[in-house]
Amino acid sequence: MVNVKDVFDFLNEIAPVRVKDEKDNVGLLVGRSDGSLSKILVSLDITTDVISEAIDKGTELIVSHHPLFFSLKSITNSDTTGKKALTLIENGIAAICMHTNLDAARGGVNDVLAKAAGIDTPEPFVQAEKTTEGGFSCGRFGYLKKPLAMREYLSFLQNALNAPGLRYYDAGRDVSKVAVVGGSGGVEFDNALGKGCDTFITADIKYHLFLEAKELGINIIDGGHFCTENVIIPPLAEKLRSAFPDVAVIISKMNGQTIQFI
């Protein structure tokens, strides 16, 4: 019988916890490690709706990208996070969250995002010999198979990410050498510049970074936090199915883009 620890051990192999950001909170955050499993729900976030879905489907474990919490001083029903944690515990549902470690891992969020963005052979910003953890780095960069006009590329990317909209600055350059960082990756802009990229894709881009991109003549695209990270969910679910064929692995239908566009 497969238990929660078995799943955590597998996830820790493909996305080692040791490479997480030091301020991050990942791993088994709720539940018993010895709890047996028949169903796993995979979701980018653990929302109230996702927890209700897990209860309705009889799943004993939610595997998510975003942590349920980063720090807790108490678990009560007086706040949203406490309510969610209590509901999970009361219904015997465990939660494993793999965040920045899954961003950095080979085959993780940013490798999948790079492929979705059309990068033929993505490489990490930081090469293996320059790190202490086997070459893990969040950002990826590389070339498209052929250059595309920015307008053409925007249409391609919006479809690839299933994004309701894109925020962007068009520097009047064709898209050829592209850098990507899933989620809030604006701090990696200088790394993209250092690699000579003409286009930078991330999410939650601040106004000043758009101005900087304009000054430097760099295409910049905000694909949205959900859309630049949710690309990992189908391949992650497939990896879990392959590793645990006797466990039903379900992708959440209740977790989706929260931000609305007019």
Protein backbone atom coordinates (compact mmCIF):
# COMPACT_ATOMS: atom_id res chain seq x y z
CA MET A 1 0.00 0.00 0.00
CA VAL A 2 1.29 3.44 -0.96
CA ASN A 3 1.46 5.99 1.84
CA VAL A 4 2.06 9.74 2.06
CA LYS A 5 5.76 9.32 2.85
CA ASP A 6 6.23 7.27 -0.33
CA VAL A 7 4.88 10.15 -2.39
CA PHE A 8 6.97 12.71 -0.53
CA ASP A 9 10.12 10.62 -1.02
CA PHE A 10 9.43 10.40 -4.75
CA LEU A 11 8.79 14.15 -5.06
CA ASN A 12 11.93 14.85 -3.06
CA GLU A 13 13.89 12.84 -5.63
CA ILE A 14 12.60 14.81 -8.63
CA ALA A 15 12.54 18.19 -6.82
CA PRO A 16 14.95 18.01 -3.86
CA VAL A 17 13.86 20.06 -0.88
CA ARG A 18 17.49 21.08 -0.29
CA VAL A 19 17.39 23.43 -3.30
CA LYS A 20 14.43 25.50 -2.12
CA ASP A 21 14.73 29.18 -1.35
CA GLU A 22 15.80 29.57 2.28
CA LYS A 23 12.61 31.50 3.13
CA ASP A 24 10.33 28.97 1.48
CA ASN A 25 8.19 26.34 3.22
CA VAL A 26 7.92 23.03 1.37
CA GLY A 27 7.36 19.35 2.01
CA LEU A 28 4.66 17.57 3.98
CA LEU A 29 2.89 20.53 5.61
CA VAL A 30 -0.28 18.81 6.84
CA GLY A 31 -1.17 15.23 7.67
CA ARG A 32 0.23 11.88 8.68
CA SER A 33 3.26 10.56 6.80
CA ASP A 34 2.02 6.99 7.29
CA GLY A 35 -1.44 7.68 5.87
CA SER A 36 -2.37 5.22 3.14
CA LEU A 37 -3.42 6.51 -0.27
CA SER A 38 -5.89 5.55 -2.95
CA LYS A 39 -6.32 8.99 -4.60
CA ILE A 40 -4.14 12.08 -5.03
CA LEU A 41 -5.38 15.49 -6.15
CA VAL A 42 -2.81 17.68 -7.93
CA SER A 43 -3.28 21.45 -7.95
CA LEU A 44 -1.24 24.63 -8.26
CA ASP A 45 -2.92 26.05 -5.14
CA ILE A 46 -4.74 24.72 -2.10
CA THR A 47 -7.88 26.83 -2.00
CA THR A 48 -11.13 26.25 -0.15
CA ASP A 49 -12.66 25.04 -3.42
CA VAL A 50 -9.80 22.61 -4.01
CA ILE A 51 -10.16 21.21 -0.49
CA SER A 52 -13.91 20.71 -1.07
CA GLU A 53 -13.08 18.95 -4.33
CA ALA A 54 -10.63 16.66 -2.51
CA ILE A 55 -13.30 15.80 0.06
CA ASP A 56 -15.93 15.15 -2.63
CA LYS A 57 -13.58 12.89 -4.59
CA GLY A 58 -12.37 10.99 -1.52
CA THR A 59 -8.72 11.90 -1.97
CA GLU A 60 -6.33 11.48 0.95
CA LEU A 61 -3.56 13.76 -0.34
CA ILE A 62 -3.27 17.08 -2.18
CA VAL A 63 0.01 17.74 -3.97
CA SER A 64 0.36 21.43 -4.73
CA HIS A 65 2.97 23.88 -5.96
CA HIS A 66 2.16 26.83 -3.72
CA PRO A 67 2.54 26.21 0.03
CA LEU A 68 -0.59 26.20 2.15
CA PHE A 69 1.28 28.47 4.59
CA PHE A 70 4.74 29.93 5.02
CA SER A 71 4.66 30.38 8.80
CA LEU A 72 2.03 29.72 11.44
CA LYS A 73 1.79 30.72 15.08
CA SER A 74 -1.60 29.09 15.52
CA ILE A 75 -4.17 27.02 13.65
CA THR A 76 -7.69 28.25 14.39
CA ASN A 77 -10.84 29.03 12.47
CA SER A 78 -10.24 32.78 12.88
CA ASP A 79 -8.42 33.18 9.55
CA THR A 80 -8.54 31.68 6.07
CA THR A 81 -5.32 29.68 6.35
CA GLY A 82 -6.28 28.21 9.72
CA LYS A 83 -9.71 27.23 8.41
CA LYS A 84 -8.16 25.42 5.45
CA ALA A 85 -5.62 23.60 7.61
CA LEU A 86 -8.33 22.53 10.07
CA THR A 87 -10.56 21.27 7.26
CA LEU A 88 -7.73 19.18 5.86
CA ILE A 89 -6.91 17.70 9.27
CA GLU A 90 -10.55 17.05 10.17
CA ASN A 91 -11.06 15.18 6.89
CA GLY A 92 -7.83 13.20 7.05
CA ILE A 93 -6.32 14.88 3.99
CA ALA A 94 -2.55 15.44 3.83
CA ALA A 95 -0.87 18.26 1.91
CA ILE A 96 2.52 18.10 0.22
CA CYS A 97 3.72 21.39 -1.26
CA MET A 98 6.70 21.64 -3.61
CA HIS A 99 7.42 25.27 -4.46
CA THR A 100 10.81 26.86 -5.22
CA ASN A 101 12.45 23.45 -5.31
CA LEU A 102 10.06 22.46 -8.10
CA ASP A 103 10.77 25.79 -9.82
CA ALA A 104 14.48 24.98 -9.87
CA ALA A 105 14.49 21.24 -10.51
CA ARG A 106 15.33 19.67 -13.84
CA GLY A 107 12.02 18.88 -15.52
CA GLY A 108 10.32 21.30 -13.12
CA VAL A 109 8.29 24.45 -13.59
CA ASN A 110 10.83 26.43 -15.57
CA ASP A 111 11.92 23.65 -17.89
CA VAL A 112 8.27 23.00 -18.74
CA LEU A 113 7.60 26.74 -19.13
CA ALA A 114 10.62 27.10 -21.40
CA LYS A 115 9.36 24.33 -23.66
CA ALA A 116 5.88 25.89 -23.71
CA ALA A 117 7.51 29.20 -24.67
CA GLY A 118 9.10 27.52 -27.68
CA ILE A 119 12.68 27.36 -26.41
CA ASP A 120 14.33 24.52 -28.26
CA THR A 121 17.04 23.56 -25.74
CA PRO A 122 16.58 25.43 -22.45
CA GLU A 123 19.55 26.03 -20.19
CA PRO A 124 19.63 27.28 -16.58
CA PHE A 125 20.88 30.80 -15.88
CA VAL A 126 23.51 29.30 -13.56
CA GLN A 127 25.61 26.43 -14.84
CA ALA A 128 26.25 23.31 -12.74
CA GLU A 129 29.87 24.07 -11.96
CA LYS A 130 28.89 27.42 -10.44
CA THR A 131 26.46 26.02 -7.89
CA THR A 132 26.67 23.85 -4.81
CA GLU A 133 23.48 21.95 -5.51
CA GLY A 134 24.03 20.20 -8.82
CA GLY A 135 23.19 23.06 -11.16
CA PHE A 136 19.71 23.92 -9.98
CA SER A 137 18.59 27.39 -11.05
CA CYS A 138 15.11 28.84 -11.49
CA GLY A 139 15.56 30.81 -14.71
CA ARG A 140 15.93 29.19 -18.11
CA PHE A 141 17.00 30.64 -21.47
CA GLY A 142 17.55 29.53 -25.04
CA TYR A 143 16.65 30.03 -28.66
CA LEU A 144 13.42 29.52 -30.58
CA LYS A 145 13.69 27.20 -33.57
CA LYS A 146 13.23 30.30 -35.72
CA PRO A 147 12.80 33.99 -34.89
CA LEU A 148 9.28 35.35 -34.74
CA ALA A 149 7.86 38.85 -34.94
CA MET A 150 6.71 39.97 -31.50
CA ARG A 151 3.03 40.09 -32.50
CA GLU A 152 3.22 36.55 -33.85
CA TYR A 153 5.05 35.35 -30.77
CA LEU A 154 2.53 36.94 -28.39
CA SER A 155 -0.27 35.02 -30.07
CA PHE A 156 1.73 31.79 -29.86
CA LEU A 157 2.58 32.30 -26.19
CA GLN A 158 -0.94 33.25 -25.13
CA ASN A 159 -2.22 30.05 -26.69
CA ALA A 160 0.61 27.94 -25.20
CA LEU A 161 -0.07 29.26 -21.69
CA ASN A 162 -3.85 29.29 -22.10
CA ALA A 163 -3.63 32.85 -20.80
CA PRO A 164 -6.66 35.18 -20.83
CA GLY A 165 -4.31 38.09 -21.54
CA LEU A 166 -0.67 39.16 -21.64
CA ARG A 167 0.98 42.37 -20.41
CA TYR A 168 3.99 43.28 -22.52
CA TYR A 169 6.37 45.83 -23.95
CA ASP A 170 7.32 45.42 -27.60
CA ALA A 171 10.83 46.75 -28.18
CA GLY A 172 10.44 46.40 -31.96
CA ARG A 173 12.72 43.36 -32.07
CA ASP A 174 12.06 39.87 -33.32
CA VAL A 175 11.85 37.18 -30.64
CA SER A 176 14.77 34.79 -30.89
CA LYS A 177 16.69 34.32 -27.63
CA VAL A 178 14.23 34.03 -24.76
CA ALA A 179 14.51 33.85 -20.97
CA VAL A 180 11.71 32.57 -18.73
CA VAL A 181 11.01 32.53 -15.01
CA GLY A 182 7.68 31.11 -13.81
CA GLY A 183 5.80 33.17 -11.25
CA SER A 184 7.21 36.39 -9.80
CA GLY A 185 10.61 36.42 -11.47
CA GLY A 186 11.34 40.09 -12.11
CA VAL A 187 14.49 39.87 -9.97
CA GLU A 188 16.00 37.64 -12.66
CA PHE A 189 15.82 40.37 -15.32
CA ASP A 190 19.55 41.12 -15.07
CA ASN A 191 20.34 37.44 -15.60
CA ALA A 192 18.30 37.49 -18.81
CA LEU A 193 20.24 40.57 -19.93
CA GLY A 194 23.52 38.91 -19.05
CA LYS A 195 22.67 35.98 -21.31
CA GLY A 196 21.99 38.34 -24.21
CA CYS A 197 18.27 37.55 -24.43
CA ASP A 198 16.04 39.77 -26.54
CA THR A 199 12.87 38.68 -24.71
CA PHE A 200 12.10 38.08 -21.04
CA ILE A 201 8.98 36.23 -19.83
CA THR A 202 7.81 36.09 -16.22
CA ALA A 203 4.85 37.26 -14.10
CA ASP A 204 3.85 39.99 -11.65
CA ILE A 205 6.11 42.48 -13.44
CA LYS A 206 6.32 45.88 -11.74
CA TYR A 207 5.96 49.14 -13.63
CA HIS A 208 9.60 50.16 -13.21
CA LEU A 209 10.75 46.96 -14.92
CA PHE A 210 8.63 47.75 -17.98
CA LEU A 211 10.33 51.17 -18.06
CA GLU A 212 13.76 49.56 -17.75
CA ALA A 213 12.97 47.14 -20.58
CA LYS A 214 11.96 50.07 -22.77
CA GLU A 215 15.19 51.94 -21.97
CA LEU A 216 17.27 48.86 -22.80
CA GLY A 217 15.29 47.80 -25.86
CA ILE A 218 14.23 44.41 -24.51
CA ASN A 219 10.90 42.69 -25.18
CA ILE A 220 9.22 41.85 -21.88
CA ILE A 221 6.09 39.75 -21.34
CA ASP A 222 4.02 39.18 -18.20
CA GLY A 223 2.25 35.86 -18.71
CA GLY A 224 0.51 35.87 -15.34
CA HIS A 225 1.50 34.02 -12.17
CA PHE A 226 -1.03 31.21 -12.56
CA CYS A 227 -0.42 30.62 -16.25
CA THR A 228 3.39 30.63 -16.11
CA GLU A 229 3.36 28.03 -13.32
CA ASN A 230 0.28 25.91 -13.99
CA VAL A 231 2.09 24.37 -16.98
CA ILE A 232 3.79 22.02 -14.49
CA ILE A 233 0.57 20.40 -13.25
CA PRO A 234 -0.15 17.96 -16.13
CA PRO A 235 3.44 16.60 -16.33
CA LEU A 236 3.65 16.42 -12.54
CA ALA A 237 0.43 14.41 -12.42
CA GLU A 238 1.77 12.11 -15.13
CA LYS A 239 4.98 11.50 -13.18
CA LEU A 240 2.93 10.56 -10.12
CA ARG A 241 0.78 8.19 -12.19
CA SER A 242 3.86 6.46 -13.55
CA ALA A 243 5.45 6.14 -10.11
CA PHE A 244 2.27 4.98 -8.35
CA PRO A 245 0.11 3.08 -10.85
CA ASP A 246 -2.15 1.72 -8.10
CA VAL A 247 -3.12 5.24 -6.95
CA ALA A 248 -5.63 7.40 -8.84
CA VAL A 249 -4.03 10.77 -9.63
CA ILE A 250 -6.51 13.53 -10.43
CA ILE A 251 -5.85 17.06 -11.69
CA SER A 252 -7.98 19.63 -9.90
CA LYS A 253 -10.83 21.12 -11.88
CA MET A 254 -11.53 23.75 -9.23
CA ASN A 255 -8.17 25.53 -9.36
CA GLY A 256 -7.91 28.06 -12.13
CA GLN A 257 -6.99 31.61 -13.04
CA THR A 258 -8.35 33.84 -10.27
CA ILE A 259 -7.54 37.18 -11.91
CA GLN A 260 -10.30 38.31 -14.25
CA PHE A 261 -9.89 40.36 -17.43
CA ILE A 262 -12.44 42.74 -18.92
